[in-house]
Amino acid sequence: MPRKTVPKQCACGCNSMTKGGDYLPGHDSKTLSAIIENVGGIKQLRQLVEGVLNRQIEVRS
């Protein structure tokens, strides 16, 4: 039996409703881009997250 989806507000802050997911299509990418821009770049975002987690992020190739 399929699960019922419960609409909820998009996590990006646009105040639109999703069909049950956290983001509307493409809004997760827009949110990530805005975060990266606001902290000064990917390197700075990584440093910030590693500081909060108190551990290094492993990058797999």
C-alpha atoms as a PDB file:
ATOM      1  CA  MET A   1       0.000   0.000   0.000  1.00  0.00           C
ATOM      2  CA  PRO A   2       1.522   3.381  -0.985  1.00  0.00           C
ATOM      3  CA  ARG A   3       2.242   5.898   1.736  1.00  0.00           C
ATOM      4  CA  LYS A   4       0.151   9.040   1.827  1.00  0.00           C
ATOM      5  CA  THR A   5       2.156  12.164   1.160  1.00  0.00           C
ATOM      6  CA  VAL A   6       1.565  15.138   3.367  1.00  0.00           C
ATOM      7  CA  PRO A   7       2.139  18.535   1.742  1.00  0.00           C
ATOM      8  CA  LYS A   8       4.447  20.833   3.691  1.00  0.00           C
ATOM      9  CA  GLN A   9       6.146  24.178   3.269  1.00  0.00           C
ATOM     10  CA  CYS A  10       9.260  24.217   1.125  1.00  0.00           C
ATOM     11  CA  ALA A  11      12.361  24.308   3.326  1.00  0.00           C
ATOM     12  CA  CYS A  12      13.934  27.072   1.201  1.00  0.00           C
ATOM     13  CA  GLY A  13      11.601  29.639   2.711  1.00  0.00           C
ATOM     14  CA  CYS A  14       9.625  30.475  -0.440  1.00  0.00           C
ATOM     15  CA  ASN A  15       6.349  29.700   1.411  1.00  0.00           C
ATOM     16  CA  SER A  16       5.179  27.359  -1.363  1.00  0.00           C
ATOM     17  CA  MET A  17       3.880  23.898  -0.566  1.00  0.00           C
ATOM     18  CA  THR A  18       5.611  20.685  -1.629  1.00  0.00           C
ATOM     19  CA  LYS A  19       3.889  17.410  -2.381  1.00  0.00           C
ATOM     20  CA  GLY A  20       5.526  15.872   0.690  1.00  0.00           C
ATOM     21  CA  GLY A  21       9.239  16.403   0.194  1.00  0.00           C
ATOM     22  CA  ASP A  22      11.417  18.981   1.887  1.00  0.00           C
ATOM     23  CA  TYR A  23      11.896  21.118  -1.245  1.00  0.00           C
ATOM     24  CA  LEU A  24      10.167  21.928  -4.483  1.00  0.00           C
ATOM     25  CA  PRO A  25      12.165  20.796  -7.542  1.00  0.00           C
ATOM     26  CA  GLY A  26      15.337  22.865  -7.839  1.00  0.00           C
ATOM     27  CA  HIS A  27      14.845  24.732  -4.565  1.00  0.00           C
ATOM     28  CA  ASP A  28      17.404  22.548  -2.753  1.00  0.00           C
ATOM     29  CA  SER A  29      20.052  23.633  -5.266  1.00  0.00           C
ATOM     30  CA  LYS A  30      19.065  27.288  -4.942  1.00  0.00           C
ATOM     31  CA  THR A  31      19.301  27.000  -1.155  1.00  0.00           C
ATOM     32  CA  LEU A  32      22.729  25.354  -1.301  1.00  0.00           C
ATOM     33  CA  SER A  33      23.991  28.037  -3.701  1.00  0.00           C
ATOM     34  CA  ALA A  34      22.743  30.793  -1.395  1.00  0.00           C
ATOM     35  CA  ILE A  35      24.434  29.177   1.617  1.00  0.00           C
ATOM     36  CA  ILE A  36      27.739  28.818  -0.236  1.00  0.00           C
ATOM     37  CA  GLU A  37      27.563  32.430  -1.409  1.00  0.00           C
ATOM     38  CA  ASN A  38      26.772  33.740   2.079  1.00  0.00           C
ATOM     39  CA  VAL A  39      29.647  31.943   3.820  1.00  0.00           C
ATOM     40  CA  GLY A  40      32.179  32.978   1.184  1.00  0.00           C
ATOM     41  CA  GLY A  41      32.638  29.789  -0.825  1.00  0.00           C
ATOM     42  CA  ILE A  42      32.754  26.011  -0.628  1.00  0.00           C
ATOM     43  CA  LYS A  43      36.058  25.991   1.275  1.00  0.00           C
ATOM     44  CA  GLN A  44      34.593  28.245   3.962  1.00  0.00           C
ATOM     45  CA  LEU A  45      31.392  26.168   4.138  1.00  0.00           C
ATOM     46  CA  ARG A  46      33.427  23.011   4.631  1.00  0.00           C
ATOM     47  CA  GLN A  47      35.468  24.654   7.401  1.00  0.00           C
ATOM     48  CA  LEU A  48      32.303  25.865   9.090  1.00  0.00           C
ATOM     49  CA  VAL A  49      30.634  22.446   8.982  1.00  0.00           C
ATOM     50  CA  GLU A  50      33.768  20.631  10.135  1.00  0.00           C
ATOM     51  CA  GLY A  51      34.001  23.049  13.067  1.00  0.00           C
ATOM     52  CA  VAL A  52      30.402  22.367  14.066  1.00  0.00           C
ATOM     53  CA  LEU A  53      30.795  18.600  13.660  1.00  0.00           C
ATOM     54  CA  ASN A  54      34.216  18.659  15.340  1.00  0.00           C
ATOM     55  CA  ARG A  55      35.585  16.282  12.700  1.00  0.00           C
ATOM     56  CA  GLN A  56      36.885  16.365   9.142  1.00  0.00           C
ATOM     57  CA  ILE A  57      34.614  15.621   6.208  1.00  0.00           C
ATOM     58  CA  GLU A  58      35.965  12.767   4.101  1.00  0.00           C
ATOM     59  CA  VAL A  59      35.844  13.490   0.379  1.00  0.00           C
ATOM     60  CA  ARG A  60      35.675  10.307  -1.675  1.00  0.00           C
ATOM     61  CA  SER A  61      36.821  10.238  -5.281  1.00  0.00           C
END
